């Protein structure tokens, strides 16, 4: 992969990771455009780490609060001090627990689908169909745009369902941010809470995928392609911009307006493979 190709794909990843249009789908299409035929899973995961850093920047206060609550919980548990009140009262500890719960179905589905990565990351037709599906999910979410609704209390059930949707987003063309935010709203969360949980839930998912990709780097004698480093930096910068933009759109109730774009691109991809 040439430097300019890597940087362009990194920018593409940064822009599409948070905007609900499927970053993996656009990466597949971009790689096909550049004639990159072989699997680029390590590259894909690395540029995802770049956008993950953008999540750390935007949600740094929430992440720090959860880490402090976890430290407090485990430090007291080790010395056999009472911790039940923390579980019942500490909102940050509860949020951390829900992220762990939501990560379970994501991990199981991700490990299963990883066996088919050579198929998933090489099919334009699959990307086209999944983009149309993503657009449909986004359009349906407009019926759940109520920011002041009383949230349902099935927190564990909500987390499992959102985690399930995140796992399915491994399939190129299915937007991770789009489906998880929409899933949260479908389950009764207001749009602000759904967006926050969606991006915090992405942290263990992307970290886990990166750890699994380490073996691919080891097979290449621990040589890290500098193209990947430049692409990761590009994805971080553009991802930070895209994340802040998406949060504004979610909060203003314009999240579903990306549906026509997904329908259009998905349809064009399918038509290009038919004609």
Protein backbone atom coordinates (compact mmCIF):
# COMPACT_ATOMS: atom_id res chain seq x y z
CA UNK A 1 0.00 0.00 0.00
CA UNK A 2 1.36 3.42 -0.98
CA UNK A 3 1.57 6.31 1.49
CA UNK A 4 -1.09 8.39 -0.24
CA UNK A 5 -3.45 5.41 -0.33
CA UNK A 6 -3.00 4.77 3.38
CA UNK A 7 -3.55 8.41 4.34
CA UNK A 8 -6.65 8.69 2.14
CA UNK A 9 -8.07 5.51 3.65
CA UNK A 10 -7.23 6.80 7.14
CA UNK A 11 -9.12 10.01 6.44
CA UNK A 12 -12.00 7.97 5.04
CA UNK A 13 -12.04 5.86 8.20
CA UNK A 14 -11.99 8.92 10.45
CA UNK A 15 -14.87 10.58 8.65
CA UNK A 16 -17.06 7.48 8.40
CA UNK A 17 -16.39 5.80 11.77
CA UNK A 18 -18.67 8.15 13.67
CA UNK A 19 -20.95 9.33 10.91
CA UNK A 20 -23.51 6.51 10.58
CA UNK A 21 -22.49 5.36 7.10
CA UNK A 22 -20.26 2.32 7.90
CA UNK A 23 -16.53 2.94 8.04
CA UNK A 24 -15.73 -0.71 7.30
CA UNK A 25 -17.94 -0.62 4.22
CA UNK A 26 -16.22 2.52 2.93
CA UNK A 27 -12.79 1.03 3.69
CA UNK A 28 -13.64 -2.06 1.64
CA UNK A 29 -14.83 0.12 -1.25
CA UNK A 30 -11.73 2.31 -0.93
CA UNK A 31 -9.39 -0.67 -0.95
CA UNK A 32 -11.16 -2.09 -4.00
CA UNK A 33 -10.86 1.31 -5.71
CA UNK A 34 -7.10 1.29 -5.10
CA UNK A 35 -6.84 -2.30 -6.30
CA UNK A 36 -5.86 -3.68 -2.89
CA UNK A 37 -6.96 -7.29 -3.20
CA UNK A 38 -5.50 -9.10 -0.19
CA UNK A 39 -6.85 -8.91 3.35
CA UNK A 40 -6.10 -5.64 5.15
CA UNK A 41 -7.56 -6.55 8.55
CA UNK A 42 -4.53 -5.29 10.51
CA UNK A 43 -4.70 -1.97 8.66
CA UNK A 44 -8.46 -1.73 9.24
CA UNK A 45 -8.11 -2.34 12.97
CA UNK A 46 -5.20 0.11 13.30
CA UNK A 47 -7.13 3.00 11.74
CA UNK A 48 -10.03 2.06 14.02
CA UNK A 49 -7.62 2.56 16.94
CA UNK A 50 -6.97 6.07 15.60
CA UNK A 51 -10.65 6.89 15.83
CA UNK A 52 -10.78 5.19 19.23
CA UNK A 53 -8.33 7.79 20.48
CA UNK A 54 -10.86 10.42 19.42
CA UNK A 55 -13.38 8.75 21.74
CA UNK A 56 -10.88 9.00 24.60
CA UNK A 57 -10.46 12.73 23.97
CA UNK A 58 -14.19 13.52 23.80
CA UNK A 59 -15.26 11.25 26.67
CA UNK A 60 -12.12 11.55 28.82
CA UNK A 61 -14.02 12.75 31.90
CA UNK A 62 -16.50 9.85 31.75
CA UNK A 63 -13.71 7.33 31.19
CA UNK A 64 -11.68 8.71 34.09
CA UNK A 65 -14.72 8.65 36.38
CA UNK A 66 -15.38 4.99 35.53
CA UNK A 67 -11.74 4.05 36.10
CA UNK A 68 -11.74 5.75 39.49
CA UNK A 69 -14.96 3.97 40.47
CA UNK A 70 -13.54 0.63 39.38
CA UNK A 71 -10.36 1.25 41.35
CA UNK A 72 -12.38 2.17 44.43
CA UNK A 73 -14.55 -0.94 44.03
CA UNK A 74 -11.69 -3.42 43.63
CA UNK A 75 -9.50 -1.83 46.31
CA UNK A 76 -12.31 -2.23 48.83
CA UNK A 77 -13.24 -5.72 47.61
CA UNK A 78 -9.64 -6.93 48.00
CA UNK A 79 -9.62 -5.87 51.65
CA UNK A 80 -13.10 -7.38 52.17
CA UNK A 81 -14.75 -4.03 52.77
CA UNK A 82 -18.48 -3.51 51.99
CA UNK A 83 -19.06 -2.77 48.31
CA UNK A 84 -22.79 -3.39 47.90
CA UNK A 85 -23.55 0.31 48.36
CA UNK A 86 -21.16 1.14 45.52
CA UNK A 87 -22.96 -1.25 43.17
CA UNK A 88 -26.31 0.27 44.07
CA UNK A 89 -25.32 3.93 44.17
CA UNK A 90 -22.26 4.57 42.01
CA UNK A 91 -23.55 5.46 38.53
CA UNK A 92 -20.08 5.35 37.00
CA UNK A 93 -19.49 1.85 38.37
CA UNK A 94 -22.86 0.75 37.00
CA UNK A 95 -22.01 2.19 33.59
CA UNK A 96 -18.69 0.33 33.56
CA UNK A 97 -20.51 -2.90 34.42
CA UNK A 98 -23.02 -2.38 31.60
CA UNK A 99 -20.17 -1.83 29.14
CA UNK A 100 -18.65 -5.15 30.21
CA UNK A 101 -22.03 -6.87 29.79
CA UNK A 102 -22.56 -5.32 26.36
CA UNK A 103 -19.09 -6.37 25.26
CA UNK A 104 -19.87 -10.09 25.73
CA UNK A 105 -22.17 -10.54 22.69
CA UNK A 106 -19.90 -8.24 20.68
CA UNK A 107 -16.90 -10.48 21.41
CA UNK A 108 -18.74 -13.72 20.68
CA UNK A 109 -20.13 -12.50 17.36
CA UNK A 110 -16.84 -10.85 16.40
CA UNK A 111 -14.85 -14.04 17.00
CA UNK A 112 -17.34 -16.03 14.95
CA UNK A 113 -17.40 -13.61 12.01
CA UNK A 114 -13.60 -13.31 12.04
CA UNK A 115 -13.52 -16.78 10.48
CA UNK A 116 -15.17 -15.30 7.40
CA UNK A 117 -13.12 -12.11 7.10
CA UNK A 118 -11.74 -13.16 3.71
CA UNK A 119 -15.32 -13.13 2.41
CA UNK A 120 -16.73 -10.18 4.35
CA UNK A 121 -13.92 -7.78 3.40
CA UNK A 122 -13.92 -8.59 -0.31
CA UNK A 123 -17.56 -8.41 -1.39
CA UNK A 124 -18.89 -5.19 -2.90
CA UNK A 125 -22.36 -6.71 -3.21
CA UNK A 126 -22.47 -7.47 0.52
CA UNK A 127 -21.42 -3.89 1.30
CA UNK A 128 -24.19 -2.56 -0.96
CA UNK A 129 -26.92 -4.61 0.70
CA UNK A 130 -25.69 -3.80 4.21
CA UNK A 131 -25.54 -0.06 3.47
CA UNK A 132 -29.17 -0.17 2.39
CA UNK A 133 -29.99 -2.03 5.60
CA UNK A 134 -28.11 0.60 7.64
CA UNK A 135 -30.05 3.37 5.92
CA UNK A 136 -33.32 1.65 6.79
CA UNK A 137 -32.35 1.33 10.46
CA UNK A 138 -31.37 5.01 10.58
CA UNK A 139 -34.65 6.07 9.00
CA UNK A 140 -36.68 4.01 11.46
CA UNK A 141 -34.85 5.64 14.36
CA UNK A 142 -36.51 9.00 13.67
CA UNK A 143 -39.65 7.64 15.35
CA UNK A 144 -37.71 7.31 18.63
CA UNK A 145 -36.26 10.84 18.78
CA UNK A 146 -37.47 11.99 22.19
CA UNK A 147 -34.71 13.41 24.37
CA UNK A 148 -36.76 13.88 27.54
CA UNK A 149 -38.50 10.46 27.58
CA UNK A 150 -38.33 8.48 30.83
CA UNK A 151 -35.78 5.75 30.20
CA UNK A 152 -36.71 2.11 30.67
CA UNK A 153 -34.93 0.33 33.48
CA UNK A 154 -33.97 -2.89 31.67
CA UNK A 155 -30.33 -1.83 31.71
CA UNK A 156 -28.80 -5.30 31.33
CA UNK A 157 -31.20 -6.25 28.54
CA UNK A 158 -30.48 -2.96 26.78
CA UNK A 159 -26.72 -3.48 27.04
CA UNK A 160 -26.90 -7.01 25.65
CA UNK A 161 -29.02 -5.91 22.69
CA UNK A 162 -26.76 -2.96 21.87
CA UNK A 163 -23.71 -5.22 22.21
CA UNK A 164 -25.35 -7.71 19.83
CA UNK A 165 -25.85 -4.96 17.25
CA UNK A 166 -22.24 -3.84 17.67
CA UNK A 167 -21.06 -7.39 17.00
CA UNK A 168 -23.05 -7.54 13.76
CA UNK A 169 -21.44 -4.26 12.69
CA UNK A 170 -18.28 -6.25 11.96
CA UNK A 171 -20.00 -6.93 8.63
CA UNK A 172 -18.88 -4.19 6.18
CA UNK A 173 -21.74 -1.89 5.29
CA UNK A 174 -23.40 -2.05 8.72
CA UNK A 175 -22.60 1.15 10.60
CA UNK A 176 -21.41 0.49 14.15
CA UNK A 177 -22.32 3.93 15.43
CA UNK A 178 -25.57 4.02 13.46
CA UNK A 179 -26.88 0.64 14.55
CA UNK A 180 -25.83 0.91 18.20
CA UNK A 181 -27.23 4.41 18.68
CA UNK A 182 -30.45 3.40 16.92
CA UNK A 183 -30.59 0.19 18.98
CA UNK A 184 -30.31 2.22 22.17
CA UNK A 185 -33.19 4.43 21.12
CA UNK A 186 -35.25 1.39 20.08
CA UNK A 187 -34.71 0.00 23.60
CA UNK A 188 -35.98 3.19 25.24
CA UNK A 189 -32.81 5.25 25.81
CA UNK A 190 -32.91 8.93 24.97
CA UNK A 191 -30.66 9.86 22.07
CA UNK A 192 -27.96 11.51 24.19
CA UNK A 193 -27.58 8.45 26.45
CA UNK A 194 -27.68 6.10 23.44
CA UNK A 195 -24.85 8.00 21.73
CA UNK A 196 -22.71 8.12 24.86
CA UNK A 197 -23.13 4.41 25.57
CA UNK A 198 -22.46 3.55 21.92
CA UNK A 199 -19.09 5.26 21.85
CA UNK A 200 -17.99 4.05 25.28
CA UNK A 201 -18.97 0.50 24.27
CA UNK A 202 -16.67 0.76 21.25
CA UNK A 203 -13.59 1.00 23.50
CA UNK A 204 -13.30 -2.66 24.62
CA UNK A 205 -14.48 -3.88 21.19
CA UNK A 206 -11.72 -2.09 19.28
CA UNK A 207 -9.09 -2.89 21.90
CA UNK A 208 -10.05 -6.56 21.74
CA UNK A 209 -9.85 -6.60 17.94
CA UNK A 210 -6.44 -4.91 18.07
CA UNK A 211 -5.12 -7.54 20.50
CA UNK A 212 -6.31 -10.30 18.17
CA UNK A 213 -4.48 -8.62 15.28
CA UNK A 214 -1.17 -8.65 17.14
CA UNK A 215 -0.51 -12.20 15.97
CA UNK A 216 -0.65 -10.95 12.38
CA UNK A 217 2.01 -8.36 13.19
CA UNK A 218 4.16 -11.02 14.89
CA UNK A 219 3.98 -13.17 11.74
CA UNK A 220 5.53 -10.24 9.88
CA UNK A 221 8.56 -10.19 12.24
CA UNK A 222 7.15 -7.33 14.34
CA UNK A 223 7.58 -4.91 11.44
CA UNK A 224 4.98 -2.17 11.63
CA UNK A 225 4.33 -0.64 8.24
CA UNK A 226 4.87 3.16 8.50
CA UNK A 227 1.92 3.59 6.13
CA UNK A 228 -0.30 2.25 8.91
CA UNK A 229 1.09 4.80 11.38
CA UNK A 230 0.36 7.73 9.06
CA UNK A 231 -3.10 6.36 8.31
CA UNK A 232 -3.83 5.98 12.03
CA UNK A 233 -2.87 9.61 12.71
CA UNK A 234 -5.09 10.74 9.83
CA UNK A 235 -8.01 8.70 11.17
CA UNK A 236 -7.57 10.22 14.65
CA UNK A 237 -7.68 13.83 13.44
CA UNK A 238 -10.62 13.39 11.09
CA UNK A 239 -12.36 11.10 13.58
CA UNK A 240 -12.25 13.78 16.26
CA UNK A 241 -13.93 16.23 13.91
CA UNK A 242 -16.55 13.69 12.77
CA UNK A 243 -17.39 12.61 16.33
CA UNK A 244 -18.12 16.15 17.47
CA UNK A 245 -20.21 16.70 14.34
CA UNK A 246 -22.25 13.54 14.90
CA UNK A 247 -22.97 14.41 18.53
CA UNK A 248 -24.38 17.75 17.37
CA UNK A 249 -26.57 15.99 14.82
CA UNK A 250 -27.79 13.42 17.35
CA UNK A 251 -28.61 16.09 19.91
CA UNK A 252 -30.44 18.17 17.29
CA UNK A 253 -32.52 15.22 16.07
CA UNK A 254 -30.98 14.96 12.59
CA UNK A 255 -29.33 11.56 13.00
CA UNK A 256 -31.67 9.82 10.52
CA UNK A 257 -30.80 12.21 7.69
CA UNK A 258 -27.85 9.98 6.78
CA UNK A 259 -30.29 7.29 5.63
CA UNK A 260 -30.65 8.61 2.03
CA UNK A 261 -26.86 8.68 1.69
CA UNK A 262 -26.60 5.02 2.74
CA UNK A 263 -29.42 4.07 0.36
CA UNK A 264 -27.81 5.96 -2.50
CA UNK A 265 -24.30 4.57 -2.04
CA UNK A 266 -25.60 1.06 -1.42
CA UNK A 267 -27.74 1.18 -4.56
CA UNK A 268 -24.87 2.54 -6.67
CA UNK A 269 -22.59 -0.24 -5.44
CA UNK A 270 -25.17 -2.89 -6.34
CA UNK A 271 -25.85 -1.34 -9.75
CA UNK A 272 -22.12 -1.15 -10.53
CA UNK A 273 -21.90 -4.91 -10.00
CA UNK A 274 -24.98 -5.65 -12.09
CA UNK A 275 -24.26 -3.49 -15.12
